Amino acid sequence: MLCDFCHKNIATVHLTEVVNDKIVEMHICQSCAQSKADELKEHLSIPGFLDGLMGQTEKKKVTIKCSVCGLTYEEFKTKGQLGCEHCYIDFKQQLLPLLKKIHSSVRHVGKVPVRIDKKIIVESKLEDLNKRLQKAIQLEEYEDAAKLRDEIKKLKAKNKGKDNV
């Protein structure tokens, strides 16, 4: 298959993109892919990426500063790095939507280090199950709520048995 750009070389890079519910495929040779990548590097930047993720609601010019290190939110958007751990607290309102867009969640749901205490893992799972149970009750999804209740009981019983050993 020949390159869609130069129509000379064999395409080695294949891109598939969904645009307006239609699948668009591009087949590009190595040299055209490299030149396109160089063009994109010139146009893309961390500040531009972060601005794009934050959308139009962040366009208000309000100066927010970290109370510990003094980093402004505008500096964070420029650098792409926070100054200290306290920045997460001071910029919480701005960071939560950004984290939700990037990770689809504002709470860690991935892997847990092996060295972490199993009791902490169980407590975290119980907390999550209780939240899901309350939401199911609120939405009147009683079958789901009953399943969650049973899962909570099993986890508590299993955990209680381990504590006694």
C-alpha atoms as a PDB file:
ATOM      1  CA  MET A   1       0.000   0.000   0.000  1.00  0.00           C
ATOM      2  CA  LEU A   2       1.417   3.405  -0.979  1.00  0.00           C
ATOM      3  CA  CYS A   3       1.679   6.458   1.272  1.00  0.00           C
ATOM      4  CA  ASP A   4      -1.414   8.698   1.239  1.00  0.00           C
ATOM      5  CA  PHE A   5       0.810  11.823   1.190  1.00  0.00           C
ATOM      6  CA  CYS A   6       3.701  11.241  -1.208  1.00  0.00           C
ATOM      7  CA  HIS A   7       2.156   8.329  -3.184  1.00  0.00           C
ATOM      8  CA  LYS A   8       5.708   6.969  -3.725  1.00  0.00           C
ATOM      9  CA  ASN A   9       6.867   4.980  -0.706  1.00  0.00           C
ATOM     10  CA  ILE A  10       5.276   1.974   0.968  1.00  0.00           C
ATOM     11  CA  ALA A  11       3.115   2.941   3.961  1.00  0.00           C
ATOM     12  CA  THR A  12       4.473   1.596   7.247  1.00  0.00           C
ATOM     13  CA  VAL A  13       2.438   3.762   9.635  1.00  0.00           C
ATOM     14  CA  HIS A  14      -1.312   3.212   9.742  1.00  0.00           C
ATOM     15  CA  LEU A  15      -3.562   5.637  11.623  1.00  0.00           C
ATOM     16  CA  THR A  16      -7.259   5.171  12.326  1.00  0.00           C
ATOM     17  CA  GLU A  17      -9.349   8.072  13.598  1.00  0.00           C
ATOM     18  CA  VAL A  18     -13.058   8.494  14.259  1.00  0.00           C
ATOM     19  CA  VAL A  19     -14.331  11.840  12.950  1.00  0.00           C
ATOM     20  CA  ASN A  20     -18.054  12.646  13.223  1.00  0.00           C
ATOM     21  CA  ASP A  21     -18.891   8.950  13.724  1.00  0.00           C
ATOM     22  CA  LYS A  22     -16.961   7.991  10.579  1.00  0.00           C
ATOM     23  CA  ILE A  23     -13.742   5.963  10.549  1.00  0.00           C
ATOM     24  CA  VAL A  24     -10.917   7.694   8.700  1.00  0.00           C
ATOM     25  CA  GLU A  25      -7.787   5.674   7.920  1.00  0.00           C
ATOM     26  CA  MET A  26      -4.425   7.082   6.862  1.00  0.00           C
ATOM     27  CA  HIS A  27      -1.498   5.080   5.543  1.00  0.00           C
ATOM     28  CA  ILE A  28       1.812   6.927   5.728  1.00  0.00           C
ATOM     29  CA  CYS A  29       5.410   6.065   4.851  1.00  0.00           C
ATOM     30  CA  GLN A  30       8.193   6.472   7.426  1.00  0.00           C
ATOM     31  CA  SER A  31       9.607   9.717   5.970  1.00  0.00           C
ATOM     32  CA  CYS A  32       6.207  11.447   5.702  1.00  0.00           C
ATOM     33  CA  ALA A  33       5.331  10.296   9.239  1.00  0.00           C
ATOM     34  CA  GLN A  34       8.592  11.790  10.546  1.00  0.00           C
ATOM     35  CA  SER A  35       7.983  15.135   8.815  1.00  0.00           C
ATOM     36  CA  LYS A  36       4.403  15.264  10.119  1.00  0.00           C
ATOM     37  CA  ALA A  37       5.654  14.433  13.630  1.00  0.00           C
ATOM     38  CA  ASP A  38       8.151  17.311  13.410  1.00  0.00           C
ATOM     39  CA  GLU A  39       5.342  19.675  12.344  1.00  0.00           C
ATOM     40  CA  LEU A  40       3.198  18.563  15.281  1.00  0.00           C
ATOM     41  CA  LYS A  41       6.068  19.066  17.750  1.00  0.00           C
ATOM     42  CA  GLU A  42       6.315  22.711  16.681  1.00  0.00           C
ATOM     43  CA  HIS A  43       2.592  23.278  17.241  1.00  0.00           C
ATOM     44  CA  LEU A  44       2.072  21.242  20.418  1.00  0.00           C
ATOM     45  CA  SER A  45       3.183  22.276  23.874  1.00  0.00           C
ATOM     46  CA  ILE A  46       2.295  21.339  27.439  1.00  0.00           C
ATOM     47  CA  PRO A  47       0.634  24.714  28.089  1.00  0.00           C
ATOM     48  CA  GLY A  48      -1.435  24.367  24.917  1.00  0.00           C
ATOM     49  CA  PHE A  49      -2.340  20.803  25.826  1.00  0.00           C
ATOM     50  CA  LEU A  50      -3.420  21.812  29.337  1.00  0.00           C
ATOM     51  CA  ASP A  51      -5.382  24.794  28.010  1.00  0.00           C
ATOM     52  CA  GLY A  52      -7.193  22.492  25.599  1.00  0.00           C
ATOM     53  CA  LEU A  53      -8.071  20.039  28.350  1.00  0.00           C
ATOM     54  CA  MET A  54      -9.343  22.748  30.648  1.00  0.00           C
ATOM     55  CA  GLY A  55     -11.778  24.078  28.085  1.00  0.00           C
ATOM     56  CA  GLN A  56     -13.415  27.467  27.902  1.00  0.00           C
ATOM     57  CA  THR A  57     -14.460  27.668  31.555  1.00  0.00           C
ATOM     58  CA  GLU A  58     -10.866  28.305  32.664  1.00  0.00           C
ATOM     59  CA  LYS A  59     -10.462  31.457  30.550  1.00  0.00           C
ATOM     60  CA  LYS A  60     -11.297  33.722  33.497  1.00  0.00           C
ATOM     61  CA  LYS A  61      -8.231  35.687  34.614  1.00  0.00           C
ATOM     62  CA  VAL A  62      -8.239  34.989  38.335  1.00  0.00           C
ATOM     63  CA  THR A  63      -4.812  34.819  39.944  1.00  0.00           C
ATOM     64  CA  ILE A  64      -4.593  31.891  42.325  1.00  0.00           C
ATOM     65  CA  LYS A  65      -1.391  31.306  44.268  1.00  0.00           C
ATOM     66  CA  CYS A  66      -0.128  28.430  46.345  1.00  0.00           C
ATOM     67  CA  SER A  67      -0.011  29.608  49.941  1.00  0.00           C
ATOM     68  CA  VAL A  68       3.231  27.674  50.588  1.00  0.00           C
ATOM     69  CA  CYS A  69       5.491  27.912  47.511  1.00  0.00           C
ATOM     70  CA  GLY A  70       3.881  30.938  45.825  1.00  0.00           C
ATOM     71  CA  LEU A  71       3.384  29.244  42.442  1.00  0.00           C
ATOM     72  CA  THR A  72       0.521  30.820  40.505  1.00  0.00           C
ATOM     73  CA  TYR A  73      -1.963  28.739  38.579  1.00  0.00           C
ATOM     74  CA  GLU A  74      -0.864  30.482  35.378  1.00  0.00           C
ATOM     75  CA  GLU A  75       2.736  29.361  36.044  1.00  0.00           C
ATOM     76  CA  PHE A  76       1.489  25.786  36.514  1.00  0.00           C
ATOM     77  CA  LYS A  77      -0.302  25.951  33.164  1.00  0.00           C
ATOM     78  CA  THR A  78       2.911  27.210  31.545  1.00  0.00           C
ATOM     79  CA  LYS A  79       5.309  24.720  33.158  1.00  0.00           C
ATOM     80  CA  GLY A  80       2.982  21.759  33.516  1.00  0.00           C
ATOM     81  CA  GLN A  81       4.405  21.113  36.996  1.00  0.00           C
ATOM     82  CA  LEU A  82       3.185  21.963  40.465  1.00  0.00           C
ATOM     83  CA  GLY A  83       5.575  23.576  42.935  1.00  0.00           C
ATOM     84  CA  CYS A  84       4.826  21.545  46.075  1.00  0.00           C
ATOM     85  CA  GLU A  85       2.351  19.100  47.561  1.00  0.00           C
ATOM     86  CA  HIS A  86       0.276  21.994  48.942  1.00  0.00           C
ATOM     87  CA  CYS A  87      -0.465  23.174  45.375  1.00  0.00           C
ATOM     88  CA  TYR A  88      -2.876  20.236  45.067  1.00  0.00           C
ATOM     89  CA  ILE A  89      -4.936  21.722  47.901  1.00  0.00           C
ATOM     90  CA  ASP A  90      -4.825  25.343  46.729  1.00  0.00           C
ATOM     91  CA  PHE A  91      -5.520  24.465  43.066  1.00  0.00           C
ATOM     92  CA  LYS A  92      -8.014  21.687  43.868  1.00  0.00           C
ATOM     93  CA  GLN A  93     -10.950  23.372  42.165  1.00  0.00           C
ATOM     94  CA  GLN A  94      -8.985  23.781  38.927  1.00  0.00           C
ATOM     95  CA  LEU A  95      -7.191  20.407  39.056  1.00  0.00           C
ATOM     96  CA  LEU A  96     -10.191  18.131  39.665  1.00  0.00           C
ATOM     97  CA  PRO A  97     -11.794  18.660  36.222  1.00  0.00           C
ATOM     98  CA  LEU A  98      -8.352  18.318  34.594  1.00  0.00           C
ATOM     99  CA  LEU A  99      -7.608  15.053  36.414  1.00  0.00           C
ATOM    100  CA  LYS A 100     -11.082  13.730  35.591  1.00  0.00           C
ATOM    101  CA  LYS A 101     -10.494  14.403  31.874  1.00  0.00           C
ATOM    102  CA  ILE A 102      -7.042  12.810  31.880  1.00  0.00           C
ATOM    103  CA  HIS A 103      -7.688   9.788  34.119  1.00  0.00           C
ATOM    104  CA  SER A 104     -11.510   9.475  34.008  1.00  0.00           C
ATOM    105  CA  SER A 105     -11.499   9.640  37.796  1.00  0.00           C
ATOM    106  CA  VAL A 106     -10.285  11.905  40.570  1.00  0.00           C
ATOM    107  CA  ARG A 107      -9.588   8.966  42.868  1.00  0.00           C
ATOM    108  CA  HIS A 108      -6.823   6.395  42.472  1.00  0.00           C
ATOM    109  CA  VAL A 109      -8.320   3.183  41.106  1.00  0.00           C
ATOM    110  CA  GLY A 110      -5.195   1.501  39.763  1.00  0.00           C
ATOM    111  CA  LYS A 111      -2.651  -0.872  41.183  1.00  0.00           C
ATOM    112  CA  VAL A 112      -1.584  -0.728  44.813  1.00  0.00           C
ATOM    113  CA  PRO A 113       2.014  -1.333  45.934  1.00  0.00           C
ATOM    114  CA  VAL A 114       2.627  -4.839  47.350  1.00  0.00           C
ATOM    115  CA  ARG A 115       4.084  -3.470  50.577  1.00  0.00           C
ATOM    116  CA  ILE A 116       0.861  -1.638  51.498  1.00  0.00           C
ATOM    117  CA  ASP A 117      -1.048  -3.086  54.434  1.00  0.00           C
ATOM    118  CA  LYS A 118      -3.880  -5.420  53.341  1.00  0.00           C
ATOM    119  CA  LYS A 119      -6.142  -3.885  55.984  1.00  0.00           C
ATOM    120  CA  ILE A 120      -5.902  -0.531  54.194  1.00  0.00           C
ATOM    121  CA  ILE A 121      -6.860  -2.172  50.891  1.00  0.00           C
ATOM    122  CA  VAL A 122      -9.898  -3.840  52.489  1.00  0.00           C
ATOM    123  CA  GLU A 123     -10.956  -0.570  54.152  1.00  0.00           C
ATOM    124  CA  SER A 124     -10.684   1.232  50.820  1.00  0.00           C
ATOM    125  CA  LYS A 125     -12.759  -1.444  49.085  1.00  0.00           C
ATOM    126  CA  LEU A 126     -15.390  -1.309  51.843  1.00  0.00           C
ATOM    127  CA  GLU A 127     -15.569   2.469  51.543  1.00  0.00           C
ATOM    128  CA  ASP A 128     -16.054   2.190  47.789  1.00  0.00           C
ATOM    129  CA  LEU A 129     -18.725  -0.498  48.154  1.00  0.00           C
ATOM    130  CA  ASN A 130     -20.587   1.582  50.769  1.00  0.00           C
ATOM    131  CA  LYS A 131     -20.590   4.603  48.458  1.00  0.00           C
ATOM    132  CA  ARG A 132     -21.895   2.469  45.596  1.00  0.00           C
ATOM    133  CA  LEU A 133     -24.550   1.009  47.920  1.00  0.00           C
ATOM    134  CA  GLN A 134     -25.750   4.472  48.965  1.00  0.00           C
ATOM    135  CA  LYS A 135     -25.901   5.569  45.326  1.00  0.00           C
ATOM    136  CA  ALA A 136     -27.869   2.437  44.345  1.00  0.00           C
ATOM    137  CA  ILE A 137     -30.354   3.069  47.171  1.00  0.00           C
ATOM    138  CA  GLN A 138     -30.653   6.716  46.152  1.00  0.00           C
ATOM    139  CA  LEU A 139     -31.361   5.674  42.540  1.00  0.00           C
ATOM    140  CA  GLU A 140     -33.812   3.019  43.807  1.00  0.00           C
ATOM    141  CA  GLU A 141     -31.796   0.211  42.204  1.00  0.00           C
ATOM    142  CA  TYR A 142     -32.643  -2.237  44.962  1.00  0.00           C
ATOM    143  CA  GLU A 143     -31.375  -5.395  43.239  1.00  0.00           C
ATOM    144  CA  ASP A 144     -27.935  -3.831  42.805  1.00  0.00           C
ATOM    145  CA  ALA A 145     -28.099  -2.520  46.365  1.00  0.00           C
ATOM    146  CA  ALA A 146     -28.815  -6.029  47.686  1.00  0.00           C
ATOM    147  CA  LYS A 147     -25.835  -7.448  45.767  1.00  0.00           C
ATOM    148  CA  LEU A 148     -23.589  -4.700  47.117  1.00  0.00           C
ATOM    149  CA  ARG A 149     -24.890  -5.286  50.662  1.00  0.00           C
ATOM    150  CA  ASP A 150     -24.086  -8.995  50.355  1.00  0.00           C
ATOM    151  CA  GLU A 151     -20.621  -8.233  48.988  1.00  0.00           C
ATOM    152  CA  ILE A 152     -19.971  -5.880  51.927  1.00  0.00           C
ATOM    153  CA  LYS A 153     -21.097  -8.586  54.401  1.00  0.00           C
ATOM    154  CA  LYS A 154     -18.817 -11.181  52.783  1.00  0.00           C
ATOM    155  CA  LEU A 155     -15.830  -8.827  52.809  1.00  0.00           C
ATOM    156  CA  LYS A 156     -16.419  -7.904  56.460  1.00  0.00           C
ATOM    157  CA  ALA A 157     -16.789 -11.564  57.449  1.00  0.00           C
ATOM    158  CA  LYS A 158     -13.656 -12.535  55.537  1.00  0.00           C
ATOM    159  CA  ASN A 159     -11.713  -9.662  57.096  1.00  0.00           C
ATOM    160  CA  LYS A 160     -13.012 -10.473  60.582  1.00  0.00           C
ATOM    161  CA  GLY A 161     -11.844 -14.080  60.229  1.00  0.00           C
ATOM    162  CA  LYS A 162      -8.325 -12.900  59.354  1.00  0.00           C
ATOM    163  CA  ASP A 163      -8.187 -10.566  62.363  1.00  0.00           C
ATOM    164  CA  ASN A 164      -8.950 -13.431  64.768  1.00  0.00           C
ATOM    165  CA  VAL A 165      -6.139 -15.648  63.419  1.00  0.00           C
END
